[in-house]
Amino acid sequence: MKYALEERIGEPSLFCGRKQEMELLINWVHQIPIKTAKSRALLGRRKCGKSAIMQRLFNILWNQNGKVIPFYFEMRDDRQWLLELSDIYYRTFMIEKVNSLALGLSIFIQR
């Protein structure tokens, strides 16, 4: 598997014991193109692996090159102005948009 997003967990083989959570998320992702997926929240205390799960999901989706294009955005823990947050979010989105276009993928934004 190609790792488009570096996983903070380090060595990919260290990611283990999350089969049930990953199956749930993969099944949820398959519902997105047919518009039957509902919003999900991943809740847990600090340092329990939430980011690792989302980073792995991003890489799985990136490698599938399917109908769902992943977008990964991580919020900082410190306080920041809304304008700064929106600027960082927009720039991150555009970088990933350009990368996916370079790979021949398309991102559809519905309003």
PDB file of N, CA and C in Angstrom:
ATOM      1  N   MET A   1       0.852  -1.182   0.000  1.00  0.00           N
ATOM      2  CA  MET A   1       0.000   0.000   0.000  1.00  0.00           C
ATOM      3  C   MET A   1       0.893   1.238   0.000  1.00  0.00           C
ATOM      4  N   LYS A   2       0.530   2.206  -0.839  1.00  0.00           N
ATOM      5  CA  LYS A   2       1.239   3.482  -0.882  1.00  0.00           C
ATOM      6  C   LYS A   2       0.687   4.362   0.235  1.00  0.00           C
ATOM      7  N   TYR A   3       1.571   5.012   0.964  1.00  0.00           N
ATOM      8  CA  TYR A   3       1.159   5.862   2.077  1.00  0.00           C
ATOM      9  C   TYR A   3       1.248   7.328   1.650  1.00  0.00           C
ATOM     10  N   ALA A   4       0.144   7.843   1.101  1.00  0.00           N
ATOM     11  CA  ALA A   4       0.079   9.235   0.654  1.00  0.00           C
ATOM     12  C   ALA A   4       0.159  10.185   1.840  1.00  0.00           C
ATOM     13  N   LEU A   5      -0.351   9.745   2.985  1.00  0.00           N
ATOM     14  CA  LEU A   5      -0.317  10.527   4.219  1.00  0.00           C
ATOM     15  C   LEU A   5       0.532   9.755   5.219  1.00  0.00           C
ATOM     16  N   GLU A   6       1.591  10.387   5.700  1.00  0.00           N
ATOM     17  CA  GLU A   6       2.447   9.716   6.674  1.00  0.00           C
ATOM     18  C   GLU A   6       1.662   9.477   7.960  1.00  0.00           C
ATOM     19  N   GLU A   7       1.654   8.241   8.402  1.00  0.00           N
ATOM     20  CA  GLU A   7       0.921   7.893   9.612  1.00  0.00           C
ATOM     21  C   GLU A   7       1.817   8.107  10.823  1.00  0.00           C
ATOM     22  N   ARG A   8       1.287   8.819  11.800  1.00  0.00           N
ATOM     23  CA  ARG A   8       2.048   9.165  12.985  1.00  0.00           C
ATOM     24  C   ARG A   8       2.444   7.952  13.820  1.00  0.00           C
ATOM     25  N   ILE A   9       1.757   6.848  13.611  1.00  0.00           N
ATOM     26  CA  ILE A   9       2.029   5.656  14.395  1.00  0.00           C
ATOM     27  C   ILE A   9       3.415   5.090  14.073  1.00  0.00           C
ATOM     28  N   GLY A  10       3.978   5.514  12.947  1.00  0.00           N
ATOM     29  CA  GLY A  10       5.305   5.035  12.563  1.00  0.00           C
ATOM     30  C   GLY A  10       5.197   3.867  11.601  1.00  0.00           C
ATOM     31  N   GLU A  11       5.881   2.792  11.915  1.00  0.00           N
ATOM     32  CA  GLU A  11       5.873   1.590  11.080  1.00  0.00           C
ATOM     33  C   GLU A  11       4.435   1.108  10.869  1.00  0.00           C
ATOM     34  N   PRO A  12       3.983   0.988   9.610  1.00  0.00           N
ATOM     35  CA  PRO A  12       2.595   0.579   9.339  1.00  0.00           C
ATOM     36  C   PRO A  12       2.182  -0.727  10.005  1.00  0.00           C
ATOM     37  N   SER A  13       3.123  -1.628  10.219  1.00  0.00           N
ATOM     38  CA  SER A  13       2.774  -2.907  10.853  1.00  0.00           C
ATOM     39  C   SER A  13       2.385  -2.733  12.318  1.00  0.00           C
ATOM     40  N   LEU A  14       2.680  -1.565  12.902  1.00  0.00           N
ATOM     41  CA  LEU A  14       2.304  -1.310  14.295  1.00  0.00           C
ATOM     42  C   LEU A  14       0.810  -1.028  14.439  1.00  0.00           C
ATOM     43  N   PHE A  15       0.146  -0.745  13.322  1.00  0.00           N
ATOM     44  CA  PHE A  15      -1.293  -0.494  13.358  1.00  0.00           C
ATOM     45  C   PHE A  15      -2.002  -1.843  13.451  1.00  0.00           C
ATOM     46  N   CYS A  16      -2.541  -2.136  14.600  1.00  0.00           N
ATOM     47  CA  CYS A  16      -3.193  -3.436  14.785  1.00  0.00           C
ATOM     48  C   CYS A  16      -4.307  -3.308  15.824  1.00  0.00           C
ATOM     49  N   GLY A  17      -5.183  -4.299  15.844  1.00  0.00           N
ATOM     50  CA  GLY A  17      -6.250  -4.334  16.836  1.00  0.00           C
ATOM     51  C   GLY A  17      -7.416  -3.407  16.571  1.00  0.00           C
ATOM     52  N   ARG A  18      -7.527  -2.905  15.364  1.00  0.00           N
ATOM     53  CA  ARG A  18      -8.605  -1.962  15.033  1.00  0.00           C
ATOM     54  C   ARG A  18      -9.478  -2.478  13.898  1.00  0.00           C
ATOM     55  N   LYS A  19      -9.517  -3.786  13.723  1.00  0.00           N
ATOM     56  CA  LYS A  19     -10.243  -4.378  12.599  1.00  0.00           C
ATOM     57  C   LYS A  19     -11.722  -3.998  12.609  1.00  0.00           C
ATOM     58  N   GLN A  20     -12.368  -4.079  13.759  1.00  0.00           N
ATOM     59  CA  GLN A  20     -13.801  -3.784  13.848  1.00  0.00           C
ATOM     60  C   GLN A  20     -14.083  -2.326  13.491  1.00  0.00           C
ATOM     61  N   GLU A  21     -13.272  -1.409  14.024  1.00  0.00           N
ATOM     62  CA  GLU A  21     -13.469   0.011  13.733  1.00  0.00           C
ATOM     63  C   GLU A  21     -13.248   0.304  12.248  1.00  0.00           C
ATOM     64  N   MET A  22     -12.202  -0.306  11.666  1.00  0.00           N
ATOM     65  CA  MET A  22     -11.909  -0.061  10.259  1.00  0.00           C
ATOM     66  C   MET A  22     -13.007  -0.627   9.359  1.00  0.00           C
ATOM     67  N   GLU A  23     -13.529  -1.796   9.685  1.00  0.00           N
ATOM     68  CA  GLU A  23     -14.623  -2.370   8.895  1.00  0.00           C
ATOM     69  C   GLU A  23     -15.855  -1.472   8.943  1.00  0.00           C
ATOM     70  N   LEU A  24     -16.158  -0.927  10.114  1.00  0.00           N
ATOM     71  CA  LEU A  24     -17.292  -0.018  10.262  1.00  0.00           C
ATOM     72  C   LEU A  24     -17.109   1.219   9.379  1.00  0.00           C
ATOM     73  N   LEU A  25     -15.908   1.796   9.399  1.00  0.00           N
ATOM     74  CA  LEU A  25     -15.644   2.995   8.604  1.00  0.00           C
ATOM     75  C   LEU A  25     -15.630   2.695   7.107  1.00  0.00           C
ATOM     76  N   ILE A  26     -15.059   1.572   6.712  1.00  0.00           N
ATOM     77  CA  ILE A  26     -15.037   1.201   5.292  1.00  0.00           C
ATOM     78  C   ILE A  26     -16.464   0.983   4.781  1.00  0.00           C
ATOM     79  N   ASN A  27     -17.288   0.313   5.571  1.00  0.00           N
ATOM     80  CA  ASN A  27     -18.694   0.123   5.182  1.00  0.00           C
ATOM     81  C   ASN A  27     -19.411   1.462   5.065  1.00  0.00           C
ATOM     82  N   TRP A  28     -19.110   2.374   5.988  1.00  0.00           N
ATOM     83  CA  TRP A  28     -19.692   3.714   5.948  1.00  0.00           C
ATOM     84  C   TRP A  28     -19.269   4.444   4.667  1.00  0.00           C
ATOM     85  N   VAL A  29     -17.987   4.347   4.312  1.00  0.00           N
ATOM     86  CA  VAL A  29     -17.468   5.009   3.113  1.00  0.00           C
ATOM     87  C   VAL A  29     -18.165   4.487   1.858  1.00  0.00           C
ATOM     88  N   HIS A  30     -18.446   3.195   1.802  1.00  0.00           N
ATOM     89  CA  HIS A  30     -19.112   2.623   0.629  1.00  0.00           C
ATOM     90  C   HIS A  30     -20.533   3.164   0.464  1.00  0.00           C
ATOM     91  N   GLN A  31     -21.110   3.705   1.516  1.00  0.00           N
ATOM     92  CA  GLN A  31     -22.457   4.274   1.440  1.00  0.00           C
ATOM     93  C   GLN A  31     -22.453   5.726   0.953  1.00  0.00           C
ATOM     94  N   ILE A  32     -21.306   6.365   0.961  1.00  0.00           N
ATOM     95  CA  ILE A  32     -21.226   7.780   0.583  1.00  0.00           C
ATOM     96  C   ILE A  32     -21.648   8.015  -0.874  1.00  0.00           C
ATOM     97  N   PRO A  33     -21.125   7.273  -1.855  1.00  0.00           N
ATOM     98  CA  PRO A  33     -21.518   7.549  -3.248  1.00  0.00           C
ATOM     99  C   PRO A  33     -23.010   7.349  -3.525  1.00  0.00           C
ATOM    100  N   ILE A  34     -23.660   6.480  -2.773  1.00  0.00           N
ATOM    101  CA  ILE A  34     -25.093   6.258  -3.002  1.00  0.00           C
ATOM    102  C   ILE A  34     -25.951   7.098  -2.055  1.00  0.00           C
ATOM    103  N   LYS A  35     -25.285   8.005  -1.339  1.00  0.00           N
ATOM    104  CA  LYS A  35     -25.929   9.003  -0.477  1.00  0.00           C
ATOM    105  C   LYS A  35     -26.788   8.393   0.629  1.00  0.00           C
ATOM    106  N   THR A  36     -26.327   7.272   1.183  1.00  0.00           N
ATOM    107  CA  THR A  36     -27.025   6.674   2.326  1.00  0.00           C
ATOM    108  C   THR A  36     -26.193   6.750   3.599  1.00  0.00           C
ATOM    109  N   ALA A  37     -25.011   7.355   3.521  1.00  0.00           N
ATOM    110  CA  ALA A  37     -24.143   7.479   4.694  1.00  0.00           C
ATOM    111  C   ALA A  37     -24.590   8.659   5.543  1.00  0.00           C
ATOM    112  N   LYS A  38     -24.567   8.472   6.838  1.00  0.00           N
ATOM    113  CA  LYS A  38     -24.865   9.555   7.774  1.00  0.00           C
ATOM    114  C   LYS A  38     -23.565   9.968   8.448  1.00  0.00           C
ATOM    115  N   SER A  39     -23.550  11.157   9.007  1.00  0.00           N
ATOM    116  CA  SER A  39     -22.352  11.656   9.675  1.00  0.00           C
ATOM    117  C   SER A  39     -21.926  10.720  10.793  1.00  0.00           C
ATOM    118  N   ARG A  40     -20.627  10.652  10.992  1.00  0.00           N
ATOM    119  CA  ARG A  40     -20.052   9.825  12.057  1.00  0.00           C
ATOM    120  C   ARG A  40     -19.140  10.697  12.902  1.00  0.00           C
ATOM    121  N   ALA A  41     -19.059  10.357  14.165  1.00  0.00           N
ATOM    122  CA  ALA A  41     -18.120  11.019  15.076  1.00  0.00           C
ATOM    123  C   ALA A  41     -17.233   9.942  15.677  1.00  0.00           C
ATOM    124  N   LEU A  42     -15.966  10.225  15.747  1.00  0.00           N
ATOM    125  CA  LEU A  42     -15.007   9.312  16.348  1.00  0.00           C
ATOM    126  C   LEU A  42     -14.584   9.936  17.671  1.00  0.00           C
ATOM    127  N   LEU A  43     -15.090   9.386  18.755  1.00  0.00           N
ATOM    128  CA  LEU A  43     -14.853   9.951  20.080  1.00  0.00           C
ATOM    129  C   LEU A  43     -13.970   9.035  20.914  1.00  0.00           C
ATOM    130  N   GLY A  44     -13.144   9.638  21.731  1.00  0.00           N
ATOM    131  CA  GLY A  44     -12.291   8.870  22.632  1.00  0.00           C
ATOM    132  C   GLY A  44     -11.364   9.804  23.378  1.00  0.00           C
ATOM    133  N   ARG A  45     -10.811   9.310  24.448  1.00  0.00           N
ATOM    134  CA  ARG A  45      -9.882  10.143  25.223  1.00  0.00           C
ATOM    135  C   ARG A  45      -8.592  10.354  24.424  1.00  0.00           C
ATOM    136  N   ARG A  46      -7.771  11.245  24.906  1.00  0.00           N
ATOM    137  CA  ARG A  46      -6.507  11.556  24.240  1.00  0.00           C
ATOM    138  C   ARG A  46      -5.623  10.317  24.136  1.00  0.00           C
ATOM    139  N   LYS A  47      -4.905  10.239  23.025  1.00  0.00           N
ATOM    140  CA  LYS A  47      -3.899   9.192  22.803  1.00  0.00           C
ATOM    141  C   LYS A  47      -4.468   7.780  22.744  1.00  0.00           C
ATOM    142  N   CYS A  48      -5.707   7.636  22.269  1.00  0.00           N
ATOM    143  CA  CYS A  48      -6.277   6.279  22.172  1.00  0.00           C
ATOM    144  C   CYS A  48      -6.324   5.776  20.727  1.00  0.00           C
ATOM    145  N   GLY A  49      -5.810   6.555  19.770  1.00  0.00           N
ATOM    146  CA  GLY A  49      -5.685   6.066  18.404  1.00  0.00           C
ATOM    147  C   GLY A  49      -6.655   6.626  17.387  1.00  0.00           C
ATOM    148  N   LYS A  50      -7.373   7.696  17.727  1.00  0.00           N
ATOM    149  CA  LYS A  50      -8.340   8.272  16.782  1.00  0.00           C
ATOM    150  C   LYS A  50      -7.641   8.774  15.514  1.00  0.00           C
ATOM    151  N   SER A  51      -6.568   9.511  15.682  1.00  0.00           N
ATOM    152  CA  SER A  51      -5.843  10.033  14.515  1.00  0.00           C
ATOM    153  C   SER A  51      -5.249   8.906  13.688  1.00  0.00           C
ATOM    154  N   ALA A  52      -4.740   7.880  14.342  1.00  0.00           N
ATOM    155  CA  ALA A  52      -4.158   6.738  13.622  1.00  0.00           C
ATOM    156  C   ALA A  52      -5.208   6.052  12.755  1.00  0.00           C
ATOM    157  N   ILE A  53      -6.413   5.907  13.275  1.00  0.00           N
ATOM    158  CA  ILE A  53      -7.502   5.292  12.504  1.00  0.00           C
ATOM    159  C   ILE A  53      -7.833   6.153  11.286  1.00  0.00           C
ATOM    160  N   MET A  54      -7.942   7.464  11.484  1.00  0.00           N
ATOM    161  CA  MET A  54      -8.302   8.345  10.375  1.00  0.00           C
ATOM    162  C   MET A  54      -7.181   8.424   9.333  1.00  0.00           C
ATOM    163  N   GLN A  55      -5.931   8.412   9.786  1.00  0.00           N
ATOM    164  CA  GLN A  55      -4.817   8.425   8.842  1.00  0.00           C
ATOM    165  C   GLN A  55      -4.785   7.140   8.020  1.00  0.00           C
ATOM    166  N   ARG A  56      -5.044   6.007   8.664  1.00  0.00           N
ATOM    167  CA  ARG A  56      -5.078   4.737   7.931  1.00  0.00           C
ATOM    168  C   ARG A  56      -6.255   4.714   6.952  1.00  0.00           C
ATOM    169  N   LEU A  57      -7.412   5.223   7.373  1.00  0.00           N
ATOM    170  CA  LEU A  57      -8.573   5.289   6.477  1.00  0.00           C
ATOM    171  C   LEU A  57      -8.249   6.151   5.257  1.00  0.00           C
ATOM    172  N   PHE A  58      -7.597   7.283   5.477  1.00  0.00           N
ATOM    173  CA  PHE A  58      -7.184   8.152   4.373  1.00  0.00           C
ATOM    174  C   PHE A  58      -6.335   7.367   3.384  1.00  0.00           C
ATOM    175  N   ASN A  59      -5.324   6.659   3.882  1.00  0.00           N
ATOM    176  CA  ASN A  59      -4.422   5.916   3.003  1.00  0.00           C
ATOM    177  C   ASN A  59      -5.123   4.770   2.281  1.00  0.00           C
ATOM    178  N   ILE A  60      -6.043   4.107   2.938  1.00  0.00           N
ATOM    179  CA  ILE A  60      -6.813   3.047   2.281  1.00  0.00           C
ATOM    180  C   ILE A  60      -7.624   3.635   1.133  1.00  0.00           C
ATOM    181  N   LEU A  61      -8.325   4.735   1.398  1.00  0.00           N
ATOM    182  CA  LEU A  61      -9.151   5.365   0.362  1.00  0.00           C
ATOM    183  C   LEU A  61      -8.294   5.906  -0.778  1.00  0.00           C
ATOM    184  N   TRP A  62      -7.157   6.467  -0.440  1.00  0.00           N
ATOM    185  CA  TRP A  62      -6.252   7.006  -1.460  1.00  0.00           C
ATOM    186  C   TRP A  62      -5.807   5.890  -2.410  1.00  0.00           C
ATOM    187  N   ASN A  63      -5.502   4.736  -1.842  1.00  0.00           N
ATOM    188  CA  ASN A  63      -5.042   3.608  -2.652  1.00  0.00           C
ATOM    189  C   ASN A  63      -6.163   2.958  -3.454  1.00  0.00           C
ATOM    190  N   GLN A  64      -7.389   3.020  -2.949  1.00  0.00           N
ATOM    191  CA  GLN A  64      -8.517   2.446  -3.686  1.00  0.00           C
ATOM    192  C   GLN A  64      -8.807   3.223  -4.957  1.00  0.00           C
ATOM    193  N   ASN A  65      -8.499   4.534  -4.931  1.00  0.00           N
ATOM    194  CA  ASN A  65      -8.714   5.376  -6.101  1.00  0.00           C
ATOM    195  C   ASN A  65     -10.151   5.237  -6.603  1.00  0.00           C
ATOM    196  N   GLY A  66     -11.077   5.220  -5.651  1.00  0.00           N
ATOM    197  CA  GLY A  66     -12.481   4.982  -5.974  1.00  0.00           C
ATOM    198  C   GLY A  66     -13.297   6.255  -6.078  1.00  0.00           C
ATOM    199  N   LYS A  67     -14.564   6.137  -5.764  1.00  0.00           N
ATOM    200  CA  LYS A  67     -15.498   7.254  -5.895  1.00  0.00           C
ATOM    201  C   LYS A  67     -15.401   8.248  -4.745  1.00  0.00           C
ATOM    202  N   VAL A  68     -14.786   7.845  -3.646  1.00  0.00           N
ATOM    203  CA  VAL A  68     -14.641   8.733  -2.493  1.00  0.00           C
ATOM    204  C   VAL A  68     -13.185   9.176  -2.411  1.00  0.00           C
ATOM    205  N   ILE A  69     -12.979  10.479  -2.496  1.00  0.00           N
ATOM    206  CA  ILE A  69     -11.639  11.052  -2.421  1.00  0.00           C
ATOM    207  C   ILE A  69     -11.413  11.512  -0.986  1.00  0.00           C
ATOM    208  N   PRO A  70     -10.380  11.003  -0.321  1.00  0.00           N
ATOM    209  CA  PRO A  70     -10.170  11.372   1.083  1.00  0.00           C
ATOM    210  C   PRO A  70      -9.628  12.789   1.239  1.00  0.00           C
ATOM    211  N   PHE A  71      -9.988  13.401   2.340  1.00  0.00           N
ATOM    212  CA  PHE A  71      -9.464  14.718   2.721  1.00  0.00           C
ATOM    213  C   PHE A  71      -9.152  14.648   4.203  1.00  0.00           C
ATOM    214  N   TYR A  72      -7.910  14.924   4.569  1.00  0.00           N
ATOM    215  CA  TYR A  72      -7.488  14.844   5.968  1.00  0.00           C
ATOM    216  C   TYR A  72      -7.109  16.237   6.444  1.00  0.00           C
ATOM    217  N   PHE A  73      -7.740  16.668   7.520  1.00  0.00           N
ATOM    218  CA  PHE A  73      -7.427  17.965   8.119  1.00  0.00           C
ATOM    219  C   PHE A  73      -7.402  17.793   9.622  1.00  0.00           C
ATOM    220  N   GLU A  74      -6.321  18.222  10.232  1.00  0.00           N
ATOM    221  CA  GLU A  74      -6.163  18.071  11.672  1.00  0.00           C
ATOM    222  C   GLU A  74      -6.127  19.445  12.327  1.00  0.00           C
ATOM    223  N   MET A  75      -6.966  19.622  13.337  1.00  0.00           N
ATOM    224  CA  MET A  75      -7.027  20.897  14.058  1.00  0.00           C
ATOM    225  C   MET A  75      -5.926  20.939  15.113  1.00  0.00           C
ATOM    226  N   ARG A  76      -5.368  22.112  15.309  1.00  0.00           N
ATOM    227  CA  ARG A  76      -4.378  22.294  16.371  1.00  0.00           C
ATOM    228  C   ARG A  76      -5.072  22.344  17.720  1.00  0.00           C
ATOM    229  N   ASP A  77      -4.328  22.024  18.763  1.00  0.00           N
ATOM    230  CA  ASP A  77      -4.879  22.059  20.120  1.00  0.00           C
ATOM    231  C   ASP A  77      -4.957  23.473  20.687  1.00  0.00           C
ATOM    232  N   ASP A  78      -4.085  24.361  20.218  1.00  0.00           N
ATOM    233  CA  ASP A  78      -4.055  25.708  20.788  1.00  0.00           C
ATOM    234  C   ASP A  78      -5.164  26.573  20.196  1.00  0.00           C
ATOM    235  N   ARG A  79      -5.359  27.706  20.809  1.00  0.00           N
ATOM    236  CA  ARG A  79      -6.392  28.637  20.338  1.00  0.00           C
ATOM    237  C   ARG A  79      -5.895  29.330  19.078  1.00  0.00           C
ATOM    238  N   GLN A  80      -6.819  29.575  18.165  1.00  0.00           N
ATOM    239  CA  GLN A  80      -6.459  30.307  16.961  1.00  0.00           C
ATOM    240  C   GLN A  80      -7.681  31.068  16.454  1.00  0.00           C
ATOM    241  N   TRP A  81      -7.402  32.092  15.696  1.00  0.00           N
ATOM    242  CA  TRP A  81      -8.459  32.918  15.144  1.00  0.00           C
ATOM    243  C   TRP A  81      -9.191  32.163  14.050  1.00  0.00           C
ATOM    244  N   LEU A  82     -10.479  32.445  13.906  1.00  0.00           N
ATOM    245  CA  LEU A  82     -11.295  31.799  12.880  1.00  0.00           C
ATOM    246  C   LEU A  82     -10.739  32.069  11.484  1.00  0.00           C
ATOM    247  N   LEU A  83     -10.284  33.284  11.236  1.00  0.00           N
ATOM    248  CA  LEU A  83      -9.724  33.624   9.929  1.00  0.00           C
ATOM    249  C   LEU A  83      -8.490  32.773   9.638  1.00  0.00           C
ATOM    250  N   GLU A  84      -7.639  32.588  10.644  1.00  0.00           N
ATOM    251  CA  GLU A  84      -6.442  31.762  10.472  1.00  0.00           C
ATOM    252  C   GLU A  84      -6.832  30.304  10.209  1.00  0.00           C
ATOM    253  N   LEU A  85      -7.802  29.803  10.968  1.00  0.00           N
ATOM    254  CA  LEU A  85      -8.268  28.429  10.779  1.00  0.00           C
ATOM    255  C   LEU A  85      -8.835  28.239   9.374  1.00  0.00           C
ATOM    256  N   SER A  86      -9.665  29.175   8.926  1.00  0.00           N
ATOM    257  CA  SER A  86     -10.270  29.037   7.600  1.00  0.00           C
ATOM    258  C   SER A  86      -9.207  29.108   6.502  1.00  0.00           C
ATOM    259  N   ASP A  87      -8.181  29.932   6.701  1.00  0.00           N
ATOM    260  CA  ASP A  87      -7.095  30.031   5.731  1.00  0.00           C
ATOM    261  C   ASP A  87      -6.329  28.707   5.644  1.00  0.00           C
ATOM    262  N   ILE A  88      -5.988  28.134   6.788  1.00  0.00           N
ATOM    263  CA  ILE A  88      -5.262  26.859   6.817  1.00  0.00           C
ATOM    264  C   ILE A  88      -6.112  25.754   6.201  1.00  0.00           C
ATOM    265  N   TYR A  89      -7.397  25.726   6.546  1.00  0.00           N
ATOM    266  CA  TYR A  89      -8.308  24.712   6.002  1.00  0.00           C
ATOM    267  C   TYR A  89      -8.388  24.825   4.475  1.00  0.00           C
ATOM    268  N   TYR A  90      -8.597  26.036   3.987  1.00  0.00           N
ATOM    269  CA  TYR A  90      -8.730  26.257   2.548  1.00  0.00           C
ATOM    270  C   TYR A  90      -7.457  25.846   1.809  1.00  0.00           C
ATOM    271  N   ARG A  91      -6.304  26.256   2.341  1.00  0.00           N
ATOM    272  CA  ARG A  91      -5.035  25.910   1.691  1.00  0.00           C
ATOM    273  C   ARG A  91      -4.816  24.398   1.672  1.00  0.00           C
ATOM    274  N   THR A  92      -5.134  23.738   2.775  1.00  0.00           N
ATOM    275  CA  THR A  92      -4.995  22.279   2.839  1.00  0.00           C
ATOM    276  C   THR A  92      -5.906  21.619   1.819  1.00  0.00           C
ATOM    277  N   PHE A  93      -7.157  22.079   1.747  1.00  0.00           N
ATOM    278  CA  PHE A  93      -8.101  21.517   0.780  1.00  0.00           C
ATOM    279  C   PHE A  93      -7.600  21.708  -0.644  1.00  0.00           C
ATOM    280  N   MET A  94      -7.127  22.904  -0.961  1.00  0.00           N
ATOM    281  CA  MET A  94      -6.678  23.179  -2.325  1.00  0.00           C
ATOM    282  C   MET A  94      -5.448  22.352  -2.684  1.00  0.00           C
ATOM    283  N   ILE A  95      -4.533  22.162  -1.752  1.00  0.00           N
ATOM    284  CA  ILE A  95      -3.356  21.332  -2.022  1.00  0.00           C
ATOM    285  C   ILE A  95      -3.788  19.906  -2.341  1.00  0.00           C
ATOM    286  N   GLU A  96      -4.704  19.371  -1.546  1.00  0.00           N
ATOM    287  CA  GLU A  96      -5.175  18.009  -1.801  1.00  0.00           C
ATOM    288  C   GLU A  96      -5.988  17.940  -3.090  1.00  0.00           C
ATOM    289  N   LYS A  97      -6.718  18.990  -3.409  1.00  0.00           N
ATOM    290  CA  LYS A  97      -7.480  19.046  -4.666  1.00  0.00           C
ATOM    291  C   LYS A  97      -6.527  19.004  -5.854  1.00  0.00           C
ATOM    292  N   VAL A  98      -5.483  19.822  -5.816  1.00  0.00           N
ATOM    293  CA  VAL A  98      -4.503  19.849  -6.905  1.00  0.00           C
ATOM    294  C   VAL A  98      -3.807  18.495  -7.029  1.00  0.00           C
ATOM    295  N   ASN A  99      -3.447  17.895  -5.903  1.00  0.00           N
ATOM    296  CA  ASN A  99      -2.807  16.576  -5.931  1.00  0.00           C
ATOM    297  C   ASN A  99      -3.714  15.541  -6.574  1.00  0.00           C
ATOM    298  N   SER A 100      -4.990  15.556  -6.233  1.00  0.00           N
ATOM    299  CA  SER A 100      -5.903  14.564  -6.800  1.00  0.00           C
ATOM    300  C   SER A 100      -6.133  14.825  -8.288  1.00  0.00           C
ATOM    301  N   LEU A 101      -6.153  16.089  -8.699  1.00  0.00           N
ATOM    302  CA  LEU A 101      -6.284  16.397 -10.125  1.00  0.00           C
ATOM    303  C   LEU A 101      -5.054  15.927 -10.892  1.00  0.00           C
ATOM    304  N   ALA A 102      -3.888  16.069 -10.277  1.00  0.00           N
ATOM    305  CA  ALA A 102      -2.652  15.618 -10.913  1.00  0.00           C
ATOM    306  C   ALA A 102      -2.658  14.106 -11.119  1.00  0.00           C
ATOM    307  N   LEU A 103      -3.378  13.404 -10.260  1.00  0.00           N
ATOM    308  CA  LEU A 103      -3.474  11.949 -10.382  1.00  0.00           C
ATOM    309  C   LEU A 103      -4.654  11.521 -11.249  1.00  0.00           C
ATOM    310  N   GLY A 104      -5.388  12.497 -11.783  1.00  0.00           N
ATOM    311  CA  GLY A 104      -6.519  12.173 -12.644  1.00  0.00           C
ATOM    312  C   GLY A 104      -7.793  11.862 -11.888  1.00  0.00           C
ATOM    313  N   LEU A 105      -7.857  12.236 -10.615  1.00  0.00           N
ATOM    314  CA  LEU A 105      -9.058  12.012  -9.816  1.00  0.00           C
ATOM    315  C   LEU A 105      -9.913  13.270  -9.877  1.00  0.00           C
ATOM    316  N   SER A 106     -11.159  13.151  -9.530  1.00  0.00           N
ATOM    317  CA  SER A 106     -12.009  14.341  -9.495  1.00  0.00           C
ATOM    318  C   SER A 106     -12.728  14.415  -8.163  1.00  0.00           C
ATOM    319  N   ILE A 107     -12.833  15.614  -7.650  1.00  0.00           N
ATOM    320  CA  ILE A 107     -13.551  15.859  -6.408  1.00  0.00           C
ATOM    321  C   ILE A 107     -14.787  16.667  -6.769  1.00  0.00           C
ATOM    322  N   PHE A 108     -15.934  16.161  -6.419  1.00  0.00           N
ATOM    323  CA  PHE A 108     -17.177  16.872  -6.683  1.00  0.00           C
ATOM    324  C   PHE A 108     -17.630  17.536  -5.395  1.00  0.00           C
ATOM    325  N   ILE A 109     -17.852  18.817  -5.448  1.00  0.00           N
ATOM    326  CA  ILE A 109     -18.331  19.554  -4.288  1.00  0.00           C
ATOM    327  C   ILE A 109     -19.785  19.893  -4.549  1.00  0.00           C
ATOM    328  N   GLN A 110     -20.657  19.389  -3.704  1.00  0.00           N
ATOM    329  CA  GLN A 110     -22.078  19.660  -3.863  1.00  0.00           C
ATOM    330  C   GLN A 110     -22.492  20.750  -2.893  1.00  0.00           C
ATOM    331  N   ARG A 111     -23.336  21.623  -3.347  1.00  0.00           N
ATOM    332  CA  ARG A 111     -23.837  22.691  -2.473  1.00  0.00           C
ATOM    333  C   ARG A 111     -25.272  22.442  -2.160  1.00  0.00           C
TER     334      ARG A 111
END
